């Protein structure tokens, strides 16, 4: 059976980290290893690793950046150190469903760039909703949408992560979008199975100004990096998405986005999301800048 390596990057969230690691070591498929990369935490995560390791035979390897170097650097560190044939990831505030790795491994087909799945979305009020993603994601599917339609994790071979150079450390946001797009460009469409195999804990009540600024920078970086792949319609959609994020920052009036812009420039898969962003920018004016 092939070994699967699962990376978890973390910073200053020890309780969430322990929940995430436990959801991995309790997987139904046990030929796995866990790679935890601590991106300069102020707390003691080593004790968590030691405590979990006493409960399982699954190897849990711990790496630490003495100074924070960001999620992309930390993920790349784990991918390079991975011993498994396959590599996937988990955010430290989410958790795996118990058969996630087993199902993804059985579903993997190397004619696709990767396999991914749907998620359970657990909202702050306790309500649970579910994603319903497209089955097949091509490069043009992503460019037409102007957004990540895949989610935050994919499952593929380590060699493929390395072939594209891993995550781009220059991206302050949209790094998943960029990485998954490059995997698809090089290895073919991405496959998304209907199973819901991950619990994603959503906290959308507060969006920091610094987060919005990073989103603007990340989307701008993606646009500049992949602009040559886009047709004129796709470029307009990315510009619209940039302006909508800016609307969150400045308020809808400050962004000068109109409803007609959204109707005529949105793609099939992004119209609803763009309308929601537009409406929220009116209903929720920006708060004072948070550092």
Protein backbone atom coordinates (compact mmCIF):
# COMPACT_ATOMS: atom_id res chain seq x y z
CA UNK A 1 0.00 0.00 0.00
CA UNK A 2 1.35 3.47 -0.84
CA UNK A 3 2.24 5.84 1.97
CA UNK A 4 0.31 9.13 2.12
CA UNK A 5 1.88 12.20 3.71
CA UNK A 6 -0.42 14.83 5.23
CA UNK A 7 0.98 18.26 6.05
CA UNK A 8 -0.52 20.65 8.60
CA UNK A 9 0.85 24.17 8.94
CA UNK A 10 0.04 26.02 12.14
CA UNK A 11 0.63 29.17 14.13
CA UNK A 12 -0.61 29.94 17.65
CA UNK A 13 -3.70 27.69 17.58
CA UNK A 14 -2.75 24.76 19.82
CA UNK A 15 -6.25 23.49 20.63
CA UNK A 16 -7.31 23.55 17.00
CA UNK A 17 -4.03 21.92 15.98
CA UNK A 18 -4.62 18.98 18.31
CA UNK A 19 -8.09 18.42 16.88
CA UNK A 20 -6.70 18.52 13.34
CA UNK A 21 -3.88 16.04 14.06
CA UNK A 22 -6.22 13.61 15.82
CA UNK A 23 -8.56 13.63 12.82
CA UNK A 24 -5.62 12.51 10.67
CA UNK A 25 -4.10 9.82 12.89
CA UNK A 26 -7.58 8.26 13.32
CA UNK A 27 -8.02 7.75 9.59
CA UNK A 28 -9.34 4.39 8.39
CA UNK A 29 -6.31 4.20 6.08
CA UNK A 30 -3.26 3.94 8.31
CA UNK A 31 -0.27 3.87 5.96
CA UNK A 32 0.21 7.58 6.53
CA UNK A 33 2.49 10.11 8.14
CA UNK A 34 1.73 13.56 9.51
CA UNK A 35 4.05 16.52 9.01
CA UNK A 36 3.33 19.48 11.28
CA UNK A 37 5.09 22.72 10.39
CA UNK A 38 4.98 25.35 13.12
CA UNK A 39 5.35 28.76 11.51
CA UNK A 40 6.95 30.58 14.44
CA UNK A 41 4.29 30.04 17.13
CA UNK A 42 4.62 31.64 20.55
CA UNK A 43 3.00 28.60 22.18
CA UNK A 44 4.35 25.12 22.95
CA UNK A 45 3.21 22.86 20.11
CA UNK A 46 5.86 20.22 20.76
CA UNK A 47 3.93 19.02 23.82
CA UNK A 48 0.86 18.50 21.63
CA UNK A 49 2.88 16.40 19.20
CA UNK A 50 4.29 14.33 22.06
CA UNK A 51 0.83 13.78 23.56
CA UNK A 52 -0.70 12.70 20.25
CA UNK A 53 2.25 10.47 19.44
CA UNK A 54 1.61 8.50 22.64
CA UNK A 55 -1.87 7.67 21.34
CA UNK A 56 -0.97 6.38 17.88
CA UNK A 57 1.55 4.43 15.83
CA UNK A 58 1.17 6.89 12.97
CA UNK A 59 4.42 8.92 12.74
CA UNK A 60 3.91 12.60 13.51
CA UNK A 61 6.93 14.64 12.43
CA UNK A 62 7.40 18.17 13.73
CA UNK A 63 9.18 21.06 12.02
CA UNK A 64 9.48 24.59 13.32
CA UNK A 65 10.27 27.91 11.68
CA UNK A 66 11.91 30.04 14.36
CA UNK A 67 10.66 33.10 12.49
CA UNK A 68 7.33 33.11 10.65
CA UNK A 69 7.87 32.51 6.93
CA UNK A 70 4.28 32.06 5.82
CA UNK A 71 2.01 29.20 4.85
CA UNK A 72 3.48 28.66 1.39
CA UNK A 73 7.03 28.28 2.66
CA UNK A 74 5.84 25.95 5.41
CA UNK A 75 3.82 23.77 3.05
CA UNK A 76 6.76 23.49 0.66
CA UNK A 77 9.02 22.47 3.53
CA UNK A 78 6.62 19.64 4.40
CA UNK A 79 6.19 18.52 0.79
CA UNK A 80 9.96 18.29 0.30
CA UNK A 81 10.33 16.31 3.54
CA UNK A 82 7.41 13.98 2.83
CA UNK A 83 8.23 10.27 2.58
CA UNK A 84 4.92 9.29 0.97
CA UNK A 85 4.17 8.71 -2.68
CA UNK A 86 1.10 10.90 -2.24
CA UNK A 87 0.83 14.24 -0.44
CA UNK A 88 -2.18 16.22 0.71
CA UNK A 89 -2.82 18.82 3.38
CA UNK A 90 -5.08 19.97 6.19
CA UNK A 91 -5.54 23.45 7.64
CA UNK A 92 -5.05 23.51 11.40
CA UNK A 93 -8.58 24.81 12.06
CA UNK A 94 -10.32 22.07 10.02
CA UNK A 95 -10.56 18.30 10.35
CA UNK A 96 -10.76 15.19 8.21
CA UNK A 97 -13.73 12.86 8.04
CA UNK A 98 -12.49 9.44 9.19
CA UNK A 99 -12.34 7.83 5.72
CA UNK A 100 -11.02 10.81 3.76
CA UNK A 101 -7.62 9.38 2.82
CA UNK A 102 -9.05 5.93 2.02
CA UNK A 103 -11.65 7.38 -0.36
CA UNK A 104 -9.29 9.82 -2.05
CA UNK A 105 -6.68 7.13 -2.62
CA UNK A 106 -9.26 4.78 -4.16
CA UNK A 107 -10.54 7.60 -6.38
CA UNK A 108 -7.12 8.71 -7.59
CA UNK A 109 -6.42 8.33 -11.32
CA UNK A 110 -3.20 9.75 -12.74
CA UNK A 111 -5.00 10.94 -15.89
CA UNK A 112 -6.23 13.74 -13.63
CA UNK A 113 -3.95 16.33 -12.04
CA UNK A 114 -5.39 15.54 -8.62
CA UNK A 115 -8.47 14.32 -6.83
CA UNK A 116 -10.38 16.48 -4.37
CA UNK A 117 -13.73 16.24 -2.61
CA UNK A 118 -16.62 18.24 -1.23
CA UNK A 119 -16.73 19.64 2.31
CA UNK A 120 -19.04 20.09 5.26
CA UNK A 121 -19.13 23.80 6.11
CA UNK A 122 -19.73 24.38 9.82
CA UNK A 123 -20.84 27.96 10.44
CA UNK A 124 -20.35 30.00 13.61
CA UNK A 125 -24.01 29.51 14.56
CA UNK A 126 -23.58 25.73 14.39
CA UNK A 127 -25.49 25.34 11.14
CA UNK A 128 -23.95 22.88 8.69
CA UNK A 129 -24.06 23.36 4.93
CA UNK A 130 -22.31 21.45 2.16
CA UNK A 131 -20.36 22.32 -0.94
CA UNK A 132 -21.54 21.07 -4.33
CA UNK A 133 -18.55 21.45 -6.59
CA UNK A 134 -18.19 20.64 -10.26
CA UNK A 135 -17.05 17.10 -11.06
CA UNK A 136 -14.31 18.09 -13.51
CA UNK A 137 -12.20 21.24 -13.29
CA UNK A 138 -10.24 22.35 -16.35
CA UNK A 139 -7.90 25.33 -16.64
CA UNK A 140 -10.50 27.36 -18.54
CA UNK A 141 -13.12 26.47 -15.91
CA UNK A 142 -11.04 28.32 -13.32
CA UNK A 143 -10.22 31.26 -15.57
CA UNK A 144 -13.87 31.62 -16.60
CA UNK A 145 -14.93 31.69 -12.94
CA UNK A 146 -12.15 33.98 -11.76
CA UNK A 147 -12.08 32.14 -8.46
CA UNK A 148 -11.07 28.88 -6.78
CA UNK A 149 -13.79 26.28 -7.44
CA UNK A 150 -11.79 23.44 -5.89
CA UNK A 151 -11.57 24.10 -2.16
CA UNK A 152 -8.50 24.30 0.05
CA UNK A 153 -6.98 20.81 -0.36
CA UNK A 154 -6.14 18.39 -3.15
CA UNK A 155 -4.63 14.90 -3.19
CA UNK A 156 -1.89 14.03 -5.67
CA UNK A 157 1.56 12.53 -6.02
CA UNK A 158 4.53 14.19 -4.35
CA UNK A 159 6.35 14.27 -7.69
CA UNK A 160 3.61 16.48 -9.11
CA UNK A 161 3.79 18.98 -6.26
CA UNK A 162 7.52 19.22 -6.86
CA UNK A 163 7.21 19.39 -10.66
CA UNK A 164 5.30 22.67 -10.43
CA UNK A 165 7.61 24.08 -7.75
CA UNK A 166 5.10 23.80 -4.91
CA UNK A 167 3.29 26.85 -3.55
CA UNK A 168 4.42 30.30 -4.69
CA UNK A 169 5.82 32.08 -1.61
CA UNK A 170 5.21 35.47 -3.26
CA UNK A 171 1.43 35.07 -2.88
CA UNK A 172 -0.07 36.61 0.31
CA UNK A 173 -3.48 35.12 -0.67
CA UNK A 174 -4.99 33.02 -3.48
CA UNK A 175 -2.00 30.67 -3.20
CA UNK A 176 -4.27 27.61 -3.38
CA UNK A 177 -5.92 28.94 -6.52
CA UNK A 178 -2.54 29.53 -8.15
CA UNK A 179 -1.12 26.14 -7.15
CA UNK A 180 -4.14 24.10 -8.22
CA UNK A 181 -4.32 26.01 -11.50
CA UNK A 182 -0.67 25.17 -12.24
CA UNK A 183 -1.27 21.49 -11.44
CA UNK A 184 -4.15 21.44 -13.90
CA UNK A 185 -2.17 23.28 -16.58
CA UNK A 186 0.61 20.69 -16.38
CA UNK A 187 -1.20 17.43 -15.64
CA UNK A 188 -4.76 17.77 -16.95
CA UNK A 189 -8.17 18.37 -15.34
CA UNK A 190 -8.77 18.02 -11.62
CA UNK A 191 -11.33 15.47 -10.44
CA UNK A 192 -13.71 16.34 -7.60
CA UNK A 193 -15.71 13.48 -6.13
CA UNK A 194 -19.14 14.09 -4.55
CA UNK A 195 -18.20 12.69 -1.11
CA UNK A 196 -17.98 15.24 1.73
CA UNK A 197 -14.71 14.31 3.40
CA UNK A 198 -13.63 17.37 5.38
CA UNK A 199 -15.15 19.58 8.05
CA UNK A 200 -14.42 23.24 7.37
CA UNK A 201 -15.08 25.59 10.29
CA UNK A 202 -16.16 28.96 8.94
CA UNK A 203 -15.83 32.25 10.77
CA UNK A 204 -17.08 34.95 8.44
CA UNK A 205 -18.25 37.37 11.09
CA UNK A 206 -15.11 39.54 10.98
CA UNK A 207 -12.94 40.23 7.95
CA UNK A 208 -9.83 42.21 8.77
CA UNK A 209 -8.77 45.08 6.55
CA UNK A 210 -5.31 43.50 6.31
CA UNK A 211 -6.94 40.29 5.00
CA UNK A 212 -8.76 42.23 2.28
CA UNK A 213 -5.53 43.96 1.29
CA UNK A 214 -3.80 40.59 1.02
CA UNK A 215 -6.67 39.31 -1.13
CA UNK A 216 -6.19 42.25 -3.48
CA UNK A 217 -2.48 41.57 -3.70
CA UNK A 218 -3.01 37.84 -4.20
CA UNK A 219 -5.57 38.25 -6.96
CA UNK A 220 -3.39 40.86 -8.65
CA UNK A 221 -0.43 38.45 -8.49
CA UNK A 222 -2.50 35.67 -10.07
CA UNK A 223 -3.71 37.99 -12.82
CA UNK A 224 -0.22 39.19 -13.70
CA UNK A 225 1.26 35.67 -13.55
CA UNK A 226 -1.39 34.01 -15.73
CA UNK A 227 -2.72 36.89 -17.81
CA UNK A 228 -1.20 35.43 -20.98
CA UNK A 229 -3.42 32.32 -20.54
CA UNK A 230 -6.61 34.40 -20.45
CA UNK A 231 -8.86 35.59 -23.22
CA UNK A 232 -10.39 39.08 -23.06
CA UNK A 233 -13.58 37.84 -21.37
CA UNK A 234 -11.61 36.07 -18.65
CA UNK A 235 -9.47 39.13 -18.03
CA UNK A 236 -12.61 41.20 -17.50
CA UNK A 237 -13.84 38.69 -14.96
CA UNK A 238 -10.64 38.89 -12.94
CA UNK A 239 -10.75 42.68 -13.03
CA UNK A 240 -14.35 42.55 -11.82
CA UNK A 241 -13.39 40.22 -8.95
CA UNK A 242 -10.56 42.63 -8.01
CA UNK A 243 -13.01 45.53 -7.95
CA UNK A 244 -15.47 43.56 -5.82
CA UNK A 245 -12.82 42.79 -3.23
CA UNK A 246 -11.92 46.45 -3.31
CA UNK A 247 -15.58 47.20 -2.66
CA UNK A 248 -15.31 45.25 0.61
CA UNK A 249 -12.41 47.50 1.52
CA UNK A 250 -13.84 50.85 0.44
CA UNK A 251 -17.58 50.21 0.36
CA UNK A 252 -19.57 49.58 -2.80
CA UNK A 253 -19.83 53.26 -3.75
CA UNK A 254 -16.10 53.73 -3.46
CA UNK A 255 -15.41 50.82 -5.80
CA UNK A 256 -17.73 52.13 -8.55
CA UNK A 257 -18.96 48.62 -9.40
CA UNK A 258 -22.46 48.53 -10.87
CA UNK A 259 -25.00 45.73 -11.01
CA UNK A 260 -24.64 45.78 -14.80
CA UNK A 261 -20.90 45.14 -14.44
CA UNK A 262 -21.67 42.03 -12.43
CA UNK A 263 -24.36 40.73 -14.78
CA UNK A 264 -22.33 41.20 -17.96
CA UNK A 265 -18.83 40.35 -16.69
CA UNK A 266 -19.46 37.45 -14.31
CA UNK A 267 -18.95 33.88 -15.45
CA UNK A 268 -21.54 31.13 -15.13
CA UNK A 269 -20.00 29.83 -11.89
CA UNK A 270 -19.20 33.20 -10.34
CA UNK A 271 -22.39 35.25 -10.84
CA UNK A 272 -23.98 34.24 -7.54
CA UNK A 273 -20.78 34.77 -5.53
CA UNK A 274 -20.19 38.16 -7.16
CA UNK A 275 -23.73 39.31 -6.42
CA UNK A 276 -23.34 38.29 -2.78
CA UNK A 277 -20.05 40.18 -2.51
CA UNK A 278 -21.67 43.24 -4.08
CA UNK A 279 -24.70 43.20 -1.78
CA UNK A 280 -22.59 42.63 1.36
CA UNK A 281 -20.41 45.61 0.50
CA UNK A 282 -23.55 47.76 0.83
CA UNK A 283 -25.01 46.05 3.87
CA UNK A 284 -21.75 45.84 5.79
CA UNK A 285 -19.70 49.03 5.45
CA UNK A 286 -15.99 48.57 6.17
CA UNK A 287 -14.83 48.78 9.77
CA UNK A 288 -11.81 50.79 10.91
CA UNK A 289 -8.53 49.31 9.74
CA UNK A 290 -7.28 46.45 11.86
CA UNK A 291 -3.54 45.82 12.00
